[in-house]
Amino acid sequence: MVGLLSSMVRADLPTLSDFPSDCLDIPFSLCLGGYRSATGDKAHTGVSQSIGQNNLPKDLVGLWTFDDMFAQDQSPNQNPIRPLPSFGPGFDGRGASAAFNFSSDSDASSSSSSSDASPTAYSINHINAYQSSSWTISMWLFVGEPVVGDFRTILYKGSESNPGPHVSLWPESRRIHIRLTTGNDASTSIETLDSNSNIMIGRWSHIGVVVDGKLLSLFVNGILDTVKLLNRPPQFNTDPFYIASDPWHDSLNCFIDQLAIFQRALLPTELAAMGSAAFPGLDPSFYSLACMSCPVSTALEACSSEDETPTHLCTMAELNGGGLIIARVMGWINSIHANRIFALDDKAGLMYDAATSNMTAAEQQRTLGVGLCCKNI
């Protein structure tokens, strides 16, 4: 058998360095069929297994799962990341992710300071399929170390004077910061959007950036974080995407998995499904952020029963049933923001907070905290 296999191997086969430019092309599908029963009789003549291309979501123009050794684009455009990144653990414990800016001579759990050496510029070349008036970029992100000093790039397309978009993390707080050039060739401006959420260190978070005409939306872990109506439509550029580092900012020590680009604005339900793994066993759509660093009256007003989806300020039972976990994971309550969270008393329907329960109404109005809304059921 060894001799037979050896004779089947051609001496002029390309080496790994030649891939993926030179590879075997099998159109449509590969069929494997015909098998024998335990008695040796031929059974189910003509039955075969077809191995074909994976199903892909509608309008997907870029997909990097990092589960193959070449970081290939799994979409029909086949636009790989270059140079080839290192690999780390997948976000769901299966497959692999891309490891950016970890020390090459240590384990991935031990990170080096990004200022010790010039970061490698990992990039994805521009293709015309990325130019659309509506688009979505989604990914899973694992931040490996504190963010200090300067903004750290997650994804950057364009130049310093013409970002389109630039998705980064604020230093210290790790809030998501988006810069986007809007307008036309005659007149442009840079508009920004900042998240309410703070990306946690040492935990996978799902990020979705959606542009639909002039509407810019940011989803974190499948939850709509913030929305901005831009003054003008975003401007296109033909520069590459930089991943986790760029020529103008410090690099980000991180894992990235399931990076995807869509040529349309994904629906909130689609992004909720993508980010649902961030909250196993919970329904994040039941909760939403009312306000941060706000008085009780603002939290009550933000949770309105008159909305299309009626809500109320969460009770303590609802917070203990999962709301506090979601608020902590989303970074709505942490060491940077006040840890006080407002709630309704389960029985009396009155405001309850351990620090404000004995305060007068005027004192409560001056006391700031975080409010969460819960759906009316």
Protein backbone atom coordinates (compact mmCIF):
# COMPACT_ATOMS: atom_id res chain seq x y z
CA MET A 1 0.00 0.00 0.00
CA VAL A 2 2.83 2.40 0.85
CA GLY A 3 4.42 1.72 -2.54
CA LEU A 4 1.10 2.31 -4.29
CA LEU A 5 0.58 5.64 -2.52
CA SER A 6 4.16 6.68 -3.25
CA SER A 7 3.69 6.02 -6.93
CA MET A 8 0.60 8.23 -6.92
CA VAL A 9 2.50 11.27 -5.58
CA ARG A 10 3.85 13.46 -8.34
CA ALA A 11 7.33 14.90 -7.91
CA ASP A 12 6.25 18.27 -9.30
CA LEU A 13 3.44 18.90 -6.81
CA PRO A 14 3.57 22.44 -5.39
CA THR A 15 4.91 22.96 -1.90
CA LEU A 16 3.01 24.67 0.91
CA SER A 17 4.64 27.96 -0.02
CA ASP A 18 2.87 27.76 -3.40
CA PHE A 19 -0.58 27.50 -1.83
CA PRO A 20 -3.18 28.84 -2.17
CA SER A 21 -2.14 30.24 -5.59
CA ASP A 22 -1.65 26.69 -6.93
CA CYS A 23 -4.22 24.14 -5.86
CA LEU A 24 -6.43 21.38 -7.21
CA ASP A 25 -9.72 22.78 -8.51
CA ILE A 26 -12.74 20.46 -8.42
CA PRO A 27 -15.81 22.25 -9.86
CA PHE A 28 -19.15 21.98 -8.05
CA SER A 29 -18.77 18.86 -5.87
CA LEU A 30 -16.87 15.63 -5.23
CA CYS A 31 -18.94 12.43 -5.02
CA LEU A 32 -17.88 9.41 -2.95
CA GLY A 33 -20.17 6.41 -3.37
CA GLY A 34 -20.78 2.69 -3.42
CA TYR A 35 -20.22 0.58 -0.31
CA ARG A 36 -20.64 -3.04 0.75
CA SER A 37 -22.71 -4.54 3.54
CA ALA A 38 -21.22 -6.54 6.41
CA THR A 39 -21.66 -9.74 4.36
CA GLY A 40 -19.73 -8.31 1.46
CA ASP A 41 -22.71 -7.92 -0.86
CA LYS A 42 -22.98 -4.73 -2.88
CA ALA A 43 -25.76 -2.63 -1.38
CA HIS A 44 -27.59 0.49 -2.46
CA THR A 45 -25.99 0.66 -5.89
CA GLY A 46 -25.45 4.22 -7.03
CA VAL A 47 -25.72 5.76 -3.55
CA SER A 48 -23.00 8.33 -3.00
CA GLN A 49 -22.04 11.16 -0.69
CA SER A 50 -21.59 14.56 -2.30
CA ILE A 51 -19.00 16.91 -0.84
CA GLY A 52 -19.70 20.46 -2.01
CA GLN A 53 -19.13 24.07 -1.08
CA ASN A 54 -20.46 25.24 2.27
CA ASN A 55 -23.69 27.18 2.42
CA LEU A 56 -23.10 30.91 2.86
CA PRO A 57 -25.35 33.68 4.19
CA LYS A 58 -26.90 36.12 1.75
CA ASP A 59 -24.67 38.98 0.54
CA LEU A 60 -21.58 37.67 2.35
CA VAL A 61 -18.50 39.16 0.64
CA GLY A 62 -15.82 38.23 3.17
CA LEU A 63 -15.50 35.47 5.80
CA TRP A 64 -12.38 34.51 7.73
CA THR A 65 -13.00 31.64 10.14
CA PHE A 66 -9.24 31.00 10.67
CA ASP A 67 -9.93 27.27 10.80
CA ASP A 68 -7.69 26.57 7.79
CA MET A 69 -3.91 26.99 7.85
CA PHE A 70 -3.88 29.76 5.22
CA ALA A 71 -6.43 32.17 6.80
CA GLN A 72 -8.37 31.97 3.57
CA ASP A 73 -11.44 34.04 2.82
CA GLN A 74 -14.24 31.46 2.86
CA SER A 75 -16.53 33.68 0.78
CA PRO A 76 -16.59 33.38 -3.05
CA ASN A 77 -14.16 36.34 -3.23
CA GLN A 78 -11.27 34.34 -1.66
CA ASN A 79 -9.41 37.41 -0.40
CA PRO A 80 -6.90 36.23 2.24
CA ILE A 81 -5.27 38.09 5.14
CA ARG A 82 -1.57 38.71 4.58
CA PRO A 83 0.89 38.11 6.08
CA LEU A 84 -0.37 34.91 7.62
CA PRO A 85 -1.24 35.51 11.30
CA SER A 86 -0.53 33.17 14.17
CA PHE A 87 -3.40 31.06 15.42
CA GLY A 88 -5.12 30.74 18.79
CA PRO A 89 -8.21 29.08 20.29
CA GLY A 90 -11.60 29.50 18.65
CA PHE A 91 -14.26 31.60 20.36
CA ASP A 92 -16.53 28.63 21.10
CA GLY A 93 -13.79 26.21 22.09
CA ARG A 94 -13.67 24.68 18.61
CA GLY A 95 -11.50 25.41 15.61
CA ALA A 96 -9.03 28.28 15.70
CA SER A 97 -8.83 32.06 15.77
CA ALA A 98 -6.22 34.55 14.58
CA ALA A 99 -3.74 35.64 17.26
CA PHE A 100 -2.51 39.18 16.74
CA ASN A 101 0.49 40.82 18.45
CA PHE A 102 1.21 38.11 21.01
CA SER A 103 4.85 37.45 21.84
CA SER A 104 6.32 34.97 19.37
CA ASP A 105 8.59 33.37 21.94
CA SER A 106 6.05 32.77 24.68
CA ASP A 107 2.76 31.06 25.22
CA ALA A 108 -0.34 32.92 23.99
CA SER A 109 -1.41 33.46 27.57
CA SER A 110 1.68 35.59 28.13
CA SER A 111 1.50 38.82 26.19
CA SER A 112 4.21 41.28 25.37
CA SER A 113 3.88 45.02 25.35
CA SER A 114 2.88 46.27 21.92
CA SER A 115 5.40 49.09 22.26
CA ASP A 116 8.37 46.70 22.46
CA ALA A 117 8.58 46.26 18.70
CA SER A 118 6.98 47.52 15.53
CA PRO A 119 3.75 45.59 14.97
CA THR A 120 3.17 43.55 11.86
CA ALA A 121 0.64 45.19 9.52
CA TYR A 122 -1.89 42.44 8.84
CA SER A 123 -4.19 43.50 6.03
CA ILE A 124 -6.94 42.50 3.61
CA ASN A 125 -6.79 44.01 0.13
CA HIS A 126 -9.69 46.13 -1.06
CA ILE A 127 -12.10 44.65 -3.64
CA ASN A 128 -15.08 46.30 -5.30
CA ALA A 129 -17.51 44.04 -3.44
CA TYR A 130 -16.76 46.02 -0.26
CA GLN A 131 -18.23 49.21 -1.76
CA SER A 132 -21.89 49.44 -0.83
CA SER A 133 -24.26 52.01 0.65
CA SER A 134 -25.22 49.37 3.23
CA TRP A 135 -22.79 46.98 4.89
CA THR A 136 -22.06 45.04 8.06
CA ILE A 137 -18.79 44.00 9.70
CA SER A 138 -18.99 41.40 12.46
CA MET A 139 -16.43 39.48 14.51
CA TRP A 140 -15.64 37.83 17.81
CA LEU A 141 -12.93 39.66 19.77
CA PHE A 142 -10.85 38.53 22.77
CA VAL A 143 -8.72 41.32 24.29
CA GLY A 144 -5.58 39.92 25.90
CA GLU A 145 -4.23 42.82 27.97
CA PRO A 146 -5.19 46.26 29.38
CA VAL A 147 -5.49 49.05 26.84
CA VAL A 148 -3.40 52.03 27.94
CA GLY A 149 -1.90 55.11 26.37
CA ASP A 150 -3.39 55.28 22.88
CA PHE A 151 -6.36 54.00 20.93
CA ARG A 152 -5.86 50.39 19.84
CA THR A 153 -7.03 49.42 16.37
CA ILE A 154 -9.42 46.51 15.90
CA LEU A 155 -10.12 47.18 12.22
CA TYR A 156 -8.97 50.08 10.03
CA LYS A 157 -9.83 50.71 6.39
CA GLY A 158 -8.50 53.84 4.76
CA SER A 159 -5.95 56.37 5.94
CA GLU A 160 -5.56 58.59 8.99
CA SER A 161 -7.33 61.43 7.18
CA ASN A 162 -9.89 59.22 5.45
CA PRO A 163 -11.07 56.39 7.75
CA GLY A 164 -13.78 54.22 6.37
CA PRO A 165 -14.24 52.77 8.93
CA HIS A 166 -11.79 52.81 11.84
CA VAL A 167 -12.97 50.59 14.73
CA SER A 168 -10.79 50.87 17.82
CA LEU A 169 -10.79 50.68 21.62
CA TRP A 170 -10.53 53.67 23.93
CA PRO A 171 -7.59 53.46 26.33
CA GLU A 172 -8.47 52.51 29.91
CA SER A 173 -12.24 52.15 29.47
CA ARG A 174 -12.07 49.87 26.38
CA ARG A 175 -15.17 51.46 24.92
CA ILE A 176 -15.52 50.95 21.17
CA HIS A 177 -14.69 54.03 19.10
CA ILE A 178 -15.76 54.28 15.44
CA ARG A 179 -14.51 56.91 12.98
CA LEU A 180 -16.06 57.18 9.54
CA THR A 181 -15.51 59.60 6.65
CA THR A 182 -18.78 60.95 5.26
CA GLY A 183 -19.62 63.21 2.33
CA ASN A 184 -18.23 63.25 -1.20
CA ASP A 185 -15.03 64.18 -3.03
CA ALA A 186 -15.84 67.88 -2.84
CA SER A 187 -16.54 68.00 0.88
CA THR A 188 -15.83 65.40 3.55
CA SER A 189 -15.89 65.19 7.33
CA ILE A 190 -15.07 62.55 9.92
CA GLU A 191 -17.94 61.48 12.18
CA THR A 192 -17.57 59.35 15.30
CA LEU A 193 -19.57 56.98 17.46
CA ASP A 194 -18.70 55.64 20.92
CA SER A 195 -20.18 52.62 22.63
CA ASN A 196 -21.87 52.51 26.01
CA SER A 197 -20.40 49.06 26.54
CA ASN A 198 -16.87 48.33 27.66
CA ILE A 199 -15.10 45.32 26.14
CA MET A 200 -13.95 42.97 28.91
CA ILE A 201 -10.41 41.64 29.12
CA GLY A 202 -10.05 37.87 28.94
CA ARG A 203 -13.54 37.22 27.55
CA TRP A 204 -14.91 36.77 24.05
CA SER A 205 -17.17 39.61 22.87
CA HIS A 206 -19.14 39.86 19.63
CA ILE A 207 -19.03 43.16 17.72
CA GLY A 208 -21.30 44.18 14.84
CA VAL A 209 -20.91 47.50 12.97
CA VAL A 210 -23.81 48.23 10.63
CA VAL A 211 -24.22 51.03 8.08
CA ASP A 212 -27.58 51.43 6.33
CA GLY A 213 -27.41 54.61 4.26
CA LYS A 214 -26.79 57.35 6.82
CA LEU A 215 -27.70 55.19 9.84
CA LEU A 216 -24.71 53.86 11.81
CA SER A 217 -25.46 51.17 14.42
CA LEU A 218 -23.23 49.31 16.85
CA PHE A 219 -24.15 45.93 18.32
CA VAL A 220 -22.21 44.35 21.18
CA ASN A 221 -22.85 40.69 22.02
CA GLY A 222 -25.96 40.80 19.84
CA ILE A 223 -27.46 43.73 21.76
CA LEU A 224 -27.99 47.11 20.10
CA ASP A 225 -25.56 49.37 21.94
CA THR A 226 -25.94 52.74 20.24
CA VAL A 227 -27.17 54.34 17.01
CA LYS A 228 -26.22 57.54 15.19
CA LEU A 229 -27.79 59.26 12.19
CA LEU A 230 -24.83 60.51 10.16
CA ASN A 231 -24.94 63.95 8.59
CA ARG A 232 -24.01 62.50 5.20
CA PRO A 233 -23.55 59.03 3.68
CA PRO A 234 -20.20 57.29 4.28
CA GLN A 235 -17.50 57.81 1.67
CA PHE A 236 -15.84 54.83 0.03
CA ASN A 237 -12.08 54.29 -0.18
CA THR A 238 -9.97 51.69 -1.93
CA ASP A 239 -7.38 51.24 0.83
CA PRO A 240 -6.86 47.87 2.52
CA PHE A 241 -8.35 46.71 5.81
CA TYR A 242 -5.77 46.64 8.60
CA ILE A 243 -6.41 44.08 11.34
CA ALA A 244 -5.40 44.68 15.00
CA SER A 245 -2.69 47.18 13.98
CA ASP A 246 -2.13 49.98 11.50
CA PRO A 247 0.61 52.50 10.58
CA TRP A 248 -0.80 55.21 12.89
CA HIS A 249 -1.80 53.58 16.20
CA ASP A 250 -0.53 51.09 18.76
CA SER A 251 -1.39 47.46 18.06
CA LEU A 252 -3.99 45.47 19.95
CA ASN A 253 -3.09 42.24 21.74
CA CYS A 254 -6.07 40.07 20.82
CA PHE A 255 -7.66 37.02 19.25
CA ILE A 256 -10.16 37.58 16.42
CA ASP A 257 -12.51 34.92 15.11
CA GLN A 258 -15.33 34.65 12.56
CA LEU A 259 -14.53 37.98 10.89
CA ALA A 260 -17.24 38.65 8.29
CA ILE A 261 -18.18 41.42 5.85
CA PHE A 262 -21.68 41.66 4.39
CA GLN A 263 -22.85 43.81 1.50
CA ARG A 264 -26.03 44.72 3.35
CA ALA A 265 -27.24 45.87 6.74
CA LEU A 266 -27.92 42.76 8.82
CA LEU A 267 -31.17 42.63 10.76
CA PRO A 268 -31.06 42.98 14.57
CA THR A 269 -32.33 39.40 14.85
CA GLU A 270 -29.40 38.16 12.75
CA LEU A 271 -26.87 39.97 14.94
CA ALA A 272 -28.66 38.74 18.08
CA ALA A 273 -28.26 35.18 16.80
CA MET A 274 -24.56 35.75 16.02
CA GLY A 275 -23.85 37.15 19.50
CA SER A 276 -26.07 34.81 21.53
CA ALA A 277 -23.10 32.67 22.57
CA ALA A 278 -21.95 35.55 24.80
CA PHE A 279 -24.85 34.81 27.18
CA PRO A 280 -25.46 31.05 27.34
CA GLY A 281 -28.74 30.25 29.03
CA LEU A 282 -30.00 33.86 28.97
CA ASP A 283 -32.25 35.87 26.68
CA PRO A 284 -30.37 39.16 26.15
CA SER A 285 -33.26 40.56 24.10
CA PHE A 286 -35.28 40.76 27.36
CA TYR A 287 -32.90 43.44 28.70
CA SER A 288 -31.76 46.78 27.31
CA LEU A 289 -29.77 49.71 28.66
CA ALA A 290 -31.87 52.61 29.89
CA CYS A 291 -29.06 55.00 30.77
CA MET A 292 -25.66 55.23 32.46
CA SER A 293 -24.57 57.75 35.09
CA CYS A 294 -28.13 59.06 35.23
CA PRO A 295 -30.68 59.91 37.96
CA VAL A 296 -33.62 57.66 38.77
CA SER A 297 -36.09 59.86 36.86
CA THR A 298 -34.12 59.48 33.61
CA ALA A 299 -34.00 55.70 33.97
CA LEU A 300 -37.76 55.55 34.54
CA GLU A 301 -38.44 57.77 31.53
CA ALA A 302 -36.17 55.71 29.26
CA CYS A 303 -38.12 52.52 30.07
CA SER A 304 -41.45 53.41 28.54
CA SER A 305 -44.54 51.26 28.12
CA GLU A 306 -45.50 53.40 25.13
CA ASP A 307 -42.71 52.15 22.88
CA GLU A 308 -43.21 49.61 20.10
CA THR A 309 -41.73 47.06 22.50
CA PRO A 310 -43.08 48.11 25.93
CA THR A 311 -40.54 47.99 28.76
CA HIS A 312 -40.26 48.88 32.43
CA LEU A 313 -37.38 49.52 34.79
CA CYS A 314 -36.23 46.06 35.83
CA THR A 315 -37.20 44.71 39.22
CA MET A 316 -34.66 43.19 41.58
CA ALA A 317 -35.94 39.71 40.71
CA GLU A 318 -35.38 40.38 37.01
CA LEU A 319 -31.90 41.73 37.66
CA ASN A 320 -31.01 38.70 39.76
CA GLY A 321 -32.47 36.46 37.04
CA GLY A 322 -29.82 37.50 34.53
CA GLY A 323 -29.84 41.28 34.22
CA LEU A 324 -26.82 41.78 36.49
CA ILE A 325 -24.82 39.20 34.51
CA ILE A 326 -25.59 40.94 31.22
CA ALA A 327 -24.83 44.37 32.70
CA ARG A 328 -21.47 43.12 33.99
CA VAL A 329 -20.48 41.40 30.72
CA MET A 330 -21.50 44.44 28.67
CA GLY A 331 -19.43 46.71 30.92
CA TRP A 332 -22.44 48.80 31.98
CA ILE A 333 -21.38 48.32 35.60
CA ASN A 334 -17.68 48.09 36.37
CA SER A 335 -14.89 49.78 38.28
CA ILE A 336 -14.98 52.80 35.95
CA HIS A 337 -18.72 53.47 36.09
CA ALA A 338 -20.75 53.71 39.28
CA ASN A 339 -21.72 50.26 40.51
CA ARG A 340 -25.11 51.54 41.67
CA ILE A 341 -27.95 50.04 39.64
CA PHE A 342 -31.55 51.17 39.98
CA ALA A 343 -34.48 48.78 40.17
CA LEU A 344 -38.14 48.60 41.08
CA ASP A 345 -39.16 46.99 44.34
CA ASP A 346 -40.87 43.71 43.42
CA LYS A 347 -43.86 44.19 45.72
CA ALA A 348 -44.40 47.90 46.27
CA GLY A 349 -43.41 49.09 42.81
CA LEU A 350 -41.16 51.74 44.37
CA MET A 351 -37.58 52.68 43.56
CA TYR A 352 -35.11 50.46 45.36
CA ASP A 353 -31.39 50.80 45.73
CA ALA A 354 -29.35 49.93 48.78
CA ALA A 355 -27.63 53.30 48.73
CA THR A 356 -30.70 55.44 47.99
CA SER A 357 -33.64 53.71 49.69
CA ASN A 358 -33.55 56.10 52.67
CA MET A 359 -32.88 59.26 50.62
CA THR A 360 -35.37 61.97 49.90
CA ALA A 361 -36.64 62.44 46.34
CA ALA A 362 -34.33 65.43 45.85
CA GLU A 363 -31.33 63.44 47.11
CA GLN A 364 -32.17 60.53 44.82
CA GLN A 365 -32.40 62.92 41.88
CA ARG A 366 -28.80 63.99 42.52
CA THR A 367 -27.62 60.37 42.87
CA LEU A 368 -26.40 58.82 39.63
CA GLY A 369 -26.53 55.16 38.66
CA VAL A 370 -27.33 52.68 35.89
CA GLY A 371 -30.82 51.73 34.75
CA LEU A 372 -31.85 48.59 32.85
CA CYS A 373 -35.14 48.11 31.02
CA CYS A 374 -36.98 44.78 30.94
CA LYS A 375 -39.66 43.76 28.46
CA ASN A 376 -43.28 43.74 29.58
CA ILE A 377 -44.58 40.18 29.49
